[in-house]
Protein backbone atom coordinates (compact mmCIF):
# COMPACT_ATOMS: atom_id res chain seq x y z
CA MET A 1 103.88 25.84 163.27
CA GLY A 2 103.11 28.92 165.36
CA LYS A 3 106.07 30.77 163.91
CA ARG A 4 104.91 30.04 160.36
CA LYS A 5 101.42 31.33 161.10
CA ASN A 6 102.77 34.49 162.64
CA SER A 7 104.95 35.02 159.58
CA GLU A 8 101.98 34.60 157.24
CA ASN A 9 99.94 37.06 159.29
CA ARG A 10 102.73 39.59 159.11
CA VAL A 11 102.92 39.26 155.29
CA GLU A 12 99.16 39.74 155.07
CA ARG A 13 99.38 42.89 157.19
CA ILE A 14 102.14 44.29 154.98
CA GLU A 15 100.17 43.50 151.81
CA LYS A 16 97.12 45.13 153.33
CA LYS A 17 99.12 48.27 154.12
CA ILE A 18 100.47 48.34 150.55
CA ARG A 19 96.95 48.07 149.10
CA LYS A 20 95.78 50.86 151.38
CA LEU A 21 98.70 53.03 150.33
CA GLN A 22 97.90 52.40 146.65
CA ARG A 23 94.26 53.39 147.20
CA ASN A 24 95.37 56.62 148.90
CA LEU A 25 97.72 57.43 146.04
CA GLU A 26 95.00 56.85 143.46
CA LYS A 27 92.65 59.07 145.42
CA GLU A 28 95.23 61.88 145.48
CA ASP A 29 95.76 61.51 141.71
CA GLN A 30 92.02 61.84 141.11
CA GLU A 31 91.85 65.00 143.21
CA GLU A 32 94.74 66.52 141.23
CA GLY A 33 93.13 65.72 137.88
CA THR A 34 95.25 62.68 137.01
CA PRO A 35 93.11 59.65 136.17
CA PRO A 36 93.94 56.34 137.89
CA GLY A 37 96.31 54.18 135.94
CA SER A 38 97.78 57.15 134.03
CA PRO A 39 101.43 56.78 133.05
CA SER A 40 103.92 58.52 135.25
CA VAL A 41 106.00 61.57 134.29
CA GLU A 42 108.96 59.24 133.84
CA ALA A 43 106.93 57.21 131.35
CA TYR A 44 106.08 60.36 129.36
CA ASP A 45 109.73 61.38 129.33
CA ALA A 46 110.67 57.96 128.04
CA GLU A 47 108.10 58.23 125.25
CA ILE A 48 109.40 61.67 124.23
CA GLU A 49 112.97 60.44 124.18
CA GLU A 50 111.94 57.52 121.98
CA SER A 51 110.16 59.89 119.51
CA ASP A 52 113.13 62.24 118.96
CA ASP A 53 113.74 60.80 115.50
CA ILE A 54 111.44 63.26 113.65
CA PRO A 55 111.30 63.18 109.83
CA GLU A 56 113.32 65.93 108.13
CA ASP A 57 110.32 67.36 106.28
CA LEU A 58 108.46 67.87 109.56
CA ILE A 59 111.49 69.53 111.14
CA ALA A 60 111.70 71.86 108.13
CA ALA A 61 108.01 72.69 108.56
CA LEU A 62 108.72 73.89 112.11
CA GLY A 63 110.80 76.76 110.72
CA SER A 64 113.95 78.27 112.18
CA GLU A 65 115.03 77.83 115.78
CA GLY A 66 115.05 81.59 116.34
CA GLU A 67 118.73 82.07 115.66
CA LYS A 68 119.94 85.66 115.71
CA GLU A 69 119.48 87.31 112.32
CA LYS A 70 122.17 89.42 110.69
CA LYS A 71 121.52 93.12 111.12
CA GLU A 72 123.52 94.18 108.09
CA GLY A 73 123.34 93.06 104.48
CA LEU A 74 126.17 92.55 102.03
CA PRO A 75 128.02 95.70 100.93
CA ILE A 76 127.05 97.37 97.64
CA GLN A 77 129.20 99.18 95.09
CA ASN A 78 130.79 102.33 96.54
CA GLU A 79 129.85 104.31 93.43
CA LEU A 80 126.19 103.66 94.22
CA VAL A 81 126.64 104.58 97.89
CA LYS A 82 128.26 107.93 97.07
CA ARG A 83 125.67 108.99 94.51
CA TRP A 84 122.56 107.91 96.40
CA THR A 85 123.70 109.08 99.82
CA ASN A 86 124.43 112.54 98.44
CA ILE A 87 120.89 112.80 97.00
CA MET A 88 119.30 111.44 100.18
CA LYS A 89 121.04 114.13 102.22
CA SER A 90 121.00 117.12 99.86
CA GLY A 91 118.42 116.32 97.18
CA ILE A 92 118.51 116.91 93.41
CA SER A 93 118.38 120.41 91.93
CA LYS A 94 115.00 121.42 90.46
CA GLU A 95 116.47 121.59 86.97
CA SER A 96 117.99 118.09 87.20
CA LEU A 97 114.79 116.67 88.71
CA ASP A 98 112.61 118.17 85.96
CA LYS A 99 114.98 116.78 83.31
CA LEU A 100 114.91 113.35 84.91
CA CYS A 101 111.11 113.28 85.13
CA THR A 102 110.69 114.45 81.53
CA LYS A 103 112.82 111.50 80.46
CA TYR A 104 110.03 109.09 81.45
CA PRO A 105 106.63 110.01 79.94
CA VAL A 106 103.57 108.17 81.24
CA PRO A 107 102.93 104.90 79.34
CA ASP A 108 99.67 104.80 77.36
CA ASN A 109 98.37 101.86 79.38
CA PHE A 110 99.64 102.97 82.80
CA LYS A 111 97.72 106.14 83.63
CA GLY A 112 97.51 105.05 87.25
CA VAL A 113 100.88 106.71 87.90
CA ILE A 114 99.32 110.16 87.39
CA PRO A 115 98.37 111.67 90.79
CA PRO A 116 94.59 112.30 91.00
CA LYS A 117 93.52 115.94 91.18
CA MET A 118 91.68 117.31 94.19
CA ASN A 119 87.94 117.73 93.60
CA PRO A 120 87.08 121.46 93.29
CA GLU A 121 84.16 121.02 95.71
CA ILE A 122 86.52 119.68 98.37
CA ALA A 123 89.38 122.07 97.59
CA ALA A 124 87.05 125.05 98.21
CA SER A 125 86.65 123.99 101.85
CA LEU A 126 90.34 123.34 102.57
CA SER A 127 92.62 125.67 104.48
CA SER A 128 95.72 127.08 102.84
CA ILE A 129 97.91 124.88 105.05
CA THR A 130 96.03 121.75 103.99
CA ILE A 131 96.27 122.72 100.32
CA LYS A 132 100.03 123.18 100.63
CA ARG A 133 100.36 119.83 102.35
CA ASP A 134 98.31 118.16 99.61
CA GLN A 135 100.50 119.74 96.94
CA ARG A 136 103.56 118.37 98.70
CA LEU A 137 102.02 114.90 98.55
CA ILE A 138 101.17 115.37 94.87
CA ASN A 139 104.80 116.21 94.14
CA ARG A 140 105.85 113.08 95.99
CA GLN A 141 103.36 111.00 93.97
CA ASN A 142 104.71 112.49 90.74
CA ILE A 143 108.22 111.36 91.63
CA THR A 144 106.97 107.90 92.62
CA GLY A 145 105.10 107.66 89.30
CA LYS A 146 108.26 108.46 87.32
CA LEU A 147 110.19 105.95 89.42
CA LEU A 148 107.64 103.22 88.58
CA THR A 149 107.75 104.18 84.91
CA ALA A 150 111.55 103.84 84.81
CA ILE A 151 111.36 100.41 86.43
CA SER A 152 108.51 99.30 84.16
CA ASN A 153 110.51 100.30 81.08
CA THR A 154 113.44 98.18 82.28
CA MET A 155 111.29 95.18 83.10
CA THR A 156 109.40 95.40 79.80
CA ASN A 157 112.64 95.36 77.83
CA VAL A 158 114.00 92.40 79.81
CA MET A 159 110.74 90.45 79.43
CA LYS A 160 110.83 91.05 75.67
CA GLY A 161 114.44 89.91 75.50
CA ASN A 162 115.75 93.38 74.66
CA ILE A 163 118.64 93.22 77.10
CA ASN A 164 121.11 96.06 76.85
CA SER A 165 123.19 96.31 80.03
CA LYS A 166 123.96 100.00 79.57
CA ILE A 167 120.30 100.97 79.12
CA ILE A 168 119.20 98.77 82.01
CA ILE A 169 121.79 100.29 84.36
CA GLU A 170 120.81 103.81 83.25
CA GLN A 171 117.09 103.22 83.84
CA LEU A 172 117.62 101.53 87.21
CA SER A 173 119.99 104.32 88.22
CA ASP A 174 117.36 106.93 87.33
CA ALA A 175 114.76 105.01 89.37
CA ALA A 176 117.15 104.88 92.32
CA LYS A 177 117.81 108.62 92.07
CA LEU A 178 114.06 109.30 92.19
CA ALA A 179 113.71 107.00 95.20
CA ALA A 180 116.58 108.81 96.93
CA GLN A 181 114.92 112.15 96.17
CA THR A 182 111.70 110.92 97.80
CA PHE A 183 113.75 109.93 100.85
CA TYR A 184 115.26 113.43 100.94
CA GLU A 185 111.89 115.15 100.66
CA ASP A 186 110.45 112.98 103.43
CA ASN A 187 113.36 114.01 105.65
CA SER A 188 112.61 117.65 104.85
CA SER A 189 108.94 117.17 105.77
CA ARG A 190 109.86 115.51 109.06
CA ASN A 191 112.28 118.35 109.78
CA PHE A 192 109.58 120.95 109.10
CA PHE A 193 106.89 119.35 111.24
CA ALA A 194 109.28 118.50 114.08
CA LEU A 195 110.33 122.16 114.38
CA ALA A 196 106.88 123.64 113.75
CA ASN A 197 106.14 124.30 117.44
CA THR A 198 109.64 125.00 118.71
CA SER A 199 111.15 128.40 119.49
CA LEU A 200 112.75 130.55 116.82
CA THR A 201 116.10 129.92 118.49
CA ILE A 202 115.80 126.16 118.10
CA LYS A 203 114.57 126.55 114.50
CA ASN A 204 117.62 128.62 113.60
CA ALA A 205 119.94 126.15 115.32
CA LEU A 206 118.60 123.01 113.69
CA ARG A 207 116.88 123.98 110.45
CA ASP A 208 119.90 123.27 108.23
CA SER A 209 121.15 120.20 110.11
CA GLU A 210 122.29 117.34 107.90
CA PRO A 211 120.56 114.05 108.79
CA GLU A 212 122.80 111.20 109.84
CA LEU A 213 121.90 108.53 112.39
CA TYR A 214 119.46 111.11 113.79
CA LEU A 215 117.25 113.47 111.80
CA PHE A 216 119.01 116.57 113.15
CA GLY A 217 122.48 115.06 113.22
CA THR A 218 124.44 113.67 116.14
CA ASP A 219 125.39 117.13 117.47
CA CYS A 220 121.83 118.37 117.93
CA GLY A 221 122.26 119.01 121.66
CA GLU A 222 125.46 120.99 121.23
CA LYS A 223 123.99 123.17 118.48
CA SER A 224 120.96 123.97 120.61
CA LYS A 225 123.13 124.92 123.60
CA ILE A 226 125.27 127.28 121.51
CA TRP A 227 122.24 129.08 120.09
CA LEU A 228 120.54 129.27 123.46
CA ASN A 229 123.67 130.73 125.03
CA ASN A 230 123.90 133.34 122.29
CA SER A 231 120.24 134.21 122.37
CA LYS A 232 117.79 134.28 125.30
CA ASP A 233 114.81 134.13 123.01
CA TRP A 234 112.54 131.50 124.51
CA GLU A 235 109.42 132.94 122.94
CA TYR A 236 107.60 130.66 120.54
CA SER A 237 107.24 131.91 117.01
């Protein structure tokens, strides 16, 4: 009888210790911001694993997984590459450019392609450098306007059902030539402004560089060294 009583007392003490331990754990959870009775991390993990079967439309709405994008597009016709690259590097002659622009008069209902003139009141206060820069931008706008006109002619014909492959190719080719010319002129402007505050020696070394991966070519450093070795002119022009 005494042994049984001692055994019961021992069970009660163990249960008491367990209850005390549970109270301490709940107190710690409350201090850490976890409400009593909250499911454990394991329970959350189990819930997430059970919810992995997400509908396809929701997965699509999430977008891509961030896979590496291709850096290069599909190759184009070599005939296009040769023609456009040559213009982008060397430009079109003035005579050819004038002829190309004359080919596309401004549409009656598309006067927006005509570059706006500078107001005389404003022009009177501008420096000669600013006026030259504005004229350069006007020339660029003129080319862009002709480019848009060539494209609009092509699209208008296609939308009307007047599809002639030869005419379409010709008009798109002209538009591409004008775009390539704009690219060339922008390179020339960058070249000019980049060298504006450099020494005469550097200007002479790099002025006629043909743009490649870099604006002044890949041999820019070597060209500069050769000119600097042949001339000790470090004075700024």
